C-alpha atoms as a PDB file:
ATOM      1  CA  UNK A   1      83.809  92.525  85.941  1.00  0.00           C
ATOM      2  CA  UNK A   2      86.156  89.608  85.604  1.00  0.00           C
ATOM      3  CA  UNK A   3      87.351  87.544  88.681  1.00  0.00           C
ATOM      4  CA  UNK A   4      91.088  87.301  89.132  1.00  0.00           C
ATOM      5  CA  UNK A   5      92.716  84.019  90.370  1.00  0.00           C
ATOM      6  CA  UNK A   6      95.797  84.840  92.173  1.00  0.00           C
ATOM      7  CA  UNK A   7      98.579  82.463  93.571  1.00  0.00           C
ATOM      8  CA  UNK A   8      98.983  84.149  97.293  1.00  0.00           C
ATOM      9  CA  UNK A   9     102.773  82.773  97.419  1.00  0.00           C
ATOM     10  CA  UNK A  10     103.390  84.105  93.692  1.00  0.00           C
ATOM     11  CA  UNK A  11     101.590  87.388  94.278  1.00  0.00           C
ATOM     12  CA  UNK A  12     103.655  88.026  97.630  1.00  0.00           C
ATOM     13  CA  UNK A  13     106.922  87.210  95.689  1.00  0.00           C
ATOM     14  CA  UNK A  14     106.049  89.748  92.934  1.00  0.00           C
ATOM     15  CA  UNK A  15     105.321  92.306  95.645  1.00  0.00           C
ATOM     16  CA  UNK A  16     108.646  91.551  97.242  1.00  0.00           C
ATOM     17  CA  UNK A  17     110.286  92.036  93.946  1.00  0.00           C
ATOM     18  CA  UNK A  18     108.774  95.528  93.713  1.00  0.00           C
ATOM     19  CA  UNK A  19     109.941  96.648  97.234  1.00  0.00           C
ATOM     20  CA  UNK A  20     113.391  95.100  96.407  1.00  0.00           C
ATOM     21  CA  UNK A  21     113.524  97.374  93.174  1.00  0.00           C
ATOM     22  CA  UNK A  22     112.563 100.257  95.414  1.00  0.00           C
ATOM     23  CA  UNK A  23     115.103  99.550  98.002  1.00  0.00           C
ATOM     24  CA  UNK A  24     117.883  99.445  95.224  1.00  0.00           C
ATOM     25  CA  UNK A  25     117.472 102.869  94.809  1.00  0.00           C
ATOM     26  CA  UNK A  26     118.088 103.622  98.529  1.00  0.00           C
ATOM     27  CA  UNK A  27     120.980 101.382  98.774  1.00  0.00           C
ATOM     28  CA  UNK A  28     122.341 102.237  95.349  1.00  0.00           C
ATOM     29  CA  UNK A  29     123.048  98.476  94.720  1.00  0.00           C
ATOM     30  CA  UNK A  30     121.571  97.208  91.650  1.00  0.00           C
ATOM     31  CA  UNK A  31     123.195  93.956  91.427  1.00  0.00           C
ATOM     32  CA  UNK A  32     120.046  91.878  91.492  1.00  0.00           C
ATOM     33  CA  UNK A  33     118.268  93.902  88.894  1.00  0.00           C
ATOM     34  CA  UNK A  34     118.964  91.476  86.268  1.00  0.00           C
ATOM     35  CA  UNK A  35     117.166  88.921  88.404  1.00  0.00           C
ATOM     36  CA  UNK A  36     113.990  90.640  88.664  1.00  0.00           C
ATOM     37  CA  UNK A  37     113.617  92.546  85.429  1.00  0.00           C
ATOM     38  CA  UNK A  38     113.277  90.568  81.857  1.00  0.00           C
ATOM     39  CA  UNK A  39     115.895  91.376  79.396  1.00  0.00           C
ATOM     40  CA  UNK A  40     113.215  93.042  77.011  1.00  0.00           C
ATOM     41  CA  UNK A  41     111.444  94.789  79.839  1.00  0.00           C
ATOM     42  CA  UNK A  42     110.207  98.228  79.075  1.00  0.00           C
ATOM     43  CA  UNK A  43     110.073 101.162  81.799  1.00  0.00           C
ATOM     44  CA  UNK A  44     108.150 104.306  81.144  1.00  0.00           C
ATOM     45  CA  UNK A  45     108.836 107.069  83.575  1.00  0.00           C
ATOM     46  CA  UNK A  46     106.218 109.489  84.706  1.00  0.00           C
ATOM     47  CA  UNK A  47     108.208 112.352  82.709  1.00  0.00           C
ATOM     48  CA  UNK A  48     107.636 110.611  79.327  1.00  0.00           C
ATOM     49  CA  UNK A  49     111.072 108.877  79.072  1.00  0.00           C
ATOM     50  CA  UNK A  50     111.000 105.378  77.958  1.00  0.00           C
ATOM     51  CA  UNK A  51     113.705 102.708  78.396  1.00  0.00           C
ATOM     52  CA  UNK A  52     113.118  99.895  75.861  1.00  0.00           C
ATOM     53  CA  UNK A  53     115.176  96.930  77.552  1.00  0.00           C
ATOM     54  CA  UNK A  54     117.131  96.129  80.575  1.00  0.00           C
ATOM     55  CA  UNK A  55     120.456  97.292  79.122  1.00  0.00           C
ATOM     56  CA  UNK A  56     118.790 101.120  78.652  1.00  0.00           C
ATOM     57  CA  UNK A  57     117.369 100.695  82.360  1.00  0.00           C
ATOM     58  CA  UNK A  58     120.771 100.134  83.676  1.00  0.00           C
ATOM     59  CA  UNK A  59     121.986 103.239  81.622  1.00  0.00           C
ATOM     60  CA  UNK A  60     119.263 105.332  83.022  1.00  0.00           C
ATOM     61  CA  UNK A  61     119.991 104.087  86.465  1.00  0.00           C
ATOM     62  CA  UNK A  62     123.724 104.756  86.171  1.00  0.00           C
ATOM     63  CA  UNK A  63     123.037 108.366  84.939  1.00  0.00           C
ATOM     64  CA  UNK A  64     120.403 109.161  87.595  1.00  0.00           C
ATOM     65  CA  UNK A  65     122.922 107.901  90.315  1.00  0.00           C
ATOM     66  CA  UNK A  66     125.312 110.704  89.146  1.00  0.00           C
ATOM     67  CA  UNK A  67     123.065 113.511  90.531  1.00  0.00           C
ATOM     68  CA  UNK A  68     120.187 111.893  92.548  1.00  0.00           C
ATOM     69  CA  UNK A  69     120.209 110.180  95.970  1.00  0.00           C
ATOM     70  CA  UNK A  70     117.102 108.395  97.082  1.00  0.00           C
ATOM     71  CA  UNK A  71     116.553 108.713 100.710  1.00  0.00           C
ATOM     72  CA  UNK A  72     113.640 106.433 100.830  1.00  0.00           C
ATOM     73  CA  UNK A  73     110.792 104.945  98.534  1.00  0.00           C
ATOM     74  CA  UNK A  74     108.022 103.193 100.294  1.00  0.00           C
ATOM     75  CA  UNK A  75     105.114 101.172  98.922  1.00  0.00           C
ATOM     76  CA  UNK A  76     101.611 102.171 100.285  1.00  0.00           C
ATOM     77  CA  UNK A  77      99.498  99.431  98.832  1.00  0.00           C
ATOM     78  CA  UNK A  78      99.246  96.787  96.080  1.00  0.00           C
ATOM     79  CA  UNK A  79      96.237  95.897  93.690  1.00  0.00           C
ATOM     80  CA  UNK A  80      96.558  92.773  91.848  1.00  0.00           C
ATOM     81  CA  UNK A  81      94.974  92.346  88.353  1.00  0.00           C
ATOM     82  CA  UNK A  82      95.815  90.943  85.005  1.00  0.00           C
ATOM     83  CA  UNK A  83      97.854  92.884  82.137  1.00  0.00           C
ATOM     84  CA  UNK A  84      97.076  93.178  78.484  1.00  0.00           C
ATOM     85  CA  UNK A  85      97.977  89.473  77.699  1.00  0.00           C
ATOM     86  CA  UNK A  86      96.480  87.725  80.797  1.00  0.00           C
ATOM     87  CA  UNK A  87      99.752  88.198  82.712  1.00  0.00           C
ATOM     88  CA  UNK A  88      99.926  89.275  86.371  1.00  0.00           C
ATOM     89  CA  UNK A  89     100.161  92.997  86.957  1.00  0.00           C
ATOM     90  CA  UNK A  90     100.358  95.050  90.288  1.00  0.00           C
ATOM     91  CA  UNK A  91      99.293  98.567  90.873  1.00  0.00           C
ATOM     92  CA  UNK A  92     101.360 100.067  93.604  1.00  0.00           C
ATOM     93  CA  UNK A  93     101.118 103.528  95.424  1.00  0.00           C
ATOM     94  CA  UNK A  94     104.356 104.993  96.593  1.00  0.00           C
ATOM     95  CA  UNK A  95     106.137 107.910  98.270  1.00  0.00           C
ATOM     96  CA  UNK A  96     109.658 108.634  97.286  1.00  0.00           C
ATOM     97  CA  UNK A  97     112.042 111.114  99.272  1.00  0.00           C
ATOM     98  CA  UNK A  98     115.128 112.248  97.181  1.00  0.00           C
ATOM     99  CA  UNK A  99     117.892 114.610  96.991  1.00  0.00           C
ATOM    100  CA  UNK A 100     118.967 116.041  93.688  1.00  0.00           C
ATOM    101  CA  UNK A 101     121.884 118.232  92.838  1.00  0.00           C
ATOM    102  CA  UNK A 102     119.890 120.723  90.907  1.00  0.00           C
ATOM    103  CA  UNK A 103     116.439 120.339  92.552  1.00  0.00           C
ATOM    104  CA  UNK A 104     117.531 119.933  96.328  1.00  0.00           C
ATOM    105  CA  UNK A 105     115.273 117.627  98.575  1.00  0.00           C
ATOM    106  CA  UNK A 106     111.907 116.515  97.451  1.00  0.00           C
ATOM    107  CA  UNK A 107     109.120 114.233  97.959  1.00  0.00           C
ATOM    108  CA  UNK A 108     106.796 112.843  95.554  1.00  0.00           C
ATOM    109  CA  UNK A 109     103.799 110.395  95.666  1.00  0.00           C
ATOM    110  CA  UNK A 110     103.212 108.114  92.617  1.00  0.00           C
ATOM    111  CA  UNK A 111     101.362 105.091  91.155  1.00  0.00           C
ATOM    112  CA  UNK A 112     103.251 102.574  89.119  1.00  0.00           C
ATOM    113  CA  UNK A 113     101.762  99.629  87.215  1.00  0.00           C
ATOM    114  CA  UNK A 114     104.137  96.453  86.937  1.00  0.00           C
ATOM    115  CA  UNK A 115     103.393  93.767  84.667  1.00  0.00           C
ATOM    116  CA  UNK A 116     104.999  90.544  85.026  1.00  0.00           C
ATOM    117  CA  UNK A 117     105.955  87.867  82.353  1.00  0.00           C
ATOM    118  CA  UNK A 118     105.362  84.091  82.504  1.00  0.00           C
ATOM    119  CA  UNK A 119     108.845  83.803  84.316  1.00  0.00           C
ATOM    120  CA  UNK A 120     107.647  86.037  87.034  1.00  0.00           C
ATOM    121  CA  UNK A 121     109.960  88.650  86.130  1.00  0.00           C
ATOM    122  CA  UNK A 122     109.102  92.397  85.556  1.00  0.00           C
ATOM    123  CA  UNK A 123     108.203  92.941  81.898  1.00  0.00           C
ATOM    124  CA  UNK A 124     106.867  96.460  81.984  1.00  0.00           C
ATOM    125  CA  UNK A 125     106.630  99.570  84.414  1.00  0.00           C
ATOM    126  CA  UNK A 126     104.448 102.587  83.800  1.00  0.00           C
ATOM    127  CA  UNK A 127     105.184 105.268  86.248  1.00  0.00           C
ATOM    128  CA  UNK A 128     102.694 108.187  87.258  1.00  0.00           C
ATOM    129  CA  UNK A 129     103.587 111.012  89.593  1.00  0.00           C
ATOM    130  CA  UNK A 130     101.773 113.337  91.932  1.00  0.00           C
ATOM    131  CA  UNK A 131     102.978 116.271  94.079  1.00  0.00           C
ATOM    132  CA  UNK A 132     103.246 115.147  97.699  1.00  0.00           C
ATOM    133  CA  UNK A 133     102.246 118.529  99.070  1.00  0.00           C
ATOM    134  CA  UNK A 134      98.433 118.686  99.037  1.00  0.00           C
ATOM    135  CA  UNK A 135      96.389 121.835  98.612  1.00  0.00           C
ATOM    136  CA  UNK A 136      92.592 122.194  99.520  1.00  0.00           C
ATOM    137  CA  UNK A 137      91.482 125.788  97.746  1.00  0.00           C
ATOM    138  CA  UNK A 138      88.017 125.329  98.633  1.00  0.00           C
ATOM    139  CA  UNK A 139      88.200 123.958 102.049  1.00  0.00           C
ATOM    140  CA  UNK A 140      86.761 127.050 103.917  1.00  0.00           C
ATOM    141  CA  UNK A 141      84.009 127.786 101.366  1.00  0.00           C
END
């Protein structure tokens, strides 16, 4: 396995950018989105939807804000690595609580892989979802 050398201050800035992005959903204020996402960034949602640039990401956010309120979105841990082209990537475990017009209140757990470009902006996000409720069907076996 290859060793990854990280600049701790830059790694912490990238973690803060991710947390800031999560917080934008709670405050519904995306004024700083362009400061942390690259213009040609790609966002892949857990449901298969892909947004191919920052403008499409803004459109998706605007559409989502019409029917969903994020109550909180917390990061549970960060794992640092290098992405496909040697650029920094961070895998983050998270929990999201939200309220939707159609679905009501819900809580999901997820994992996202954030890749950063040379300018330290988010270049790509891949999102994966898990149900927050856990079931142990064979616990008493």
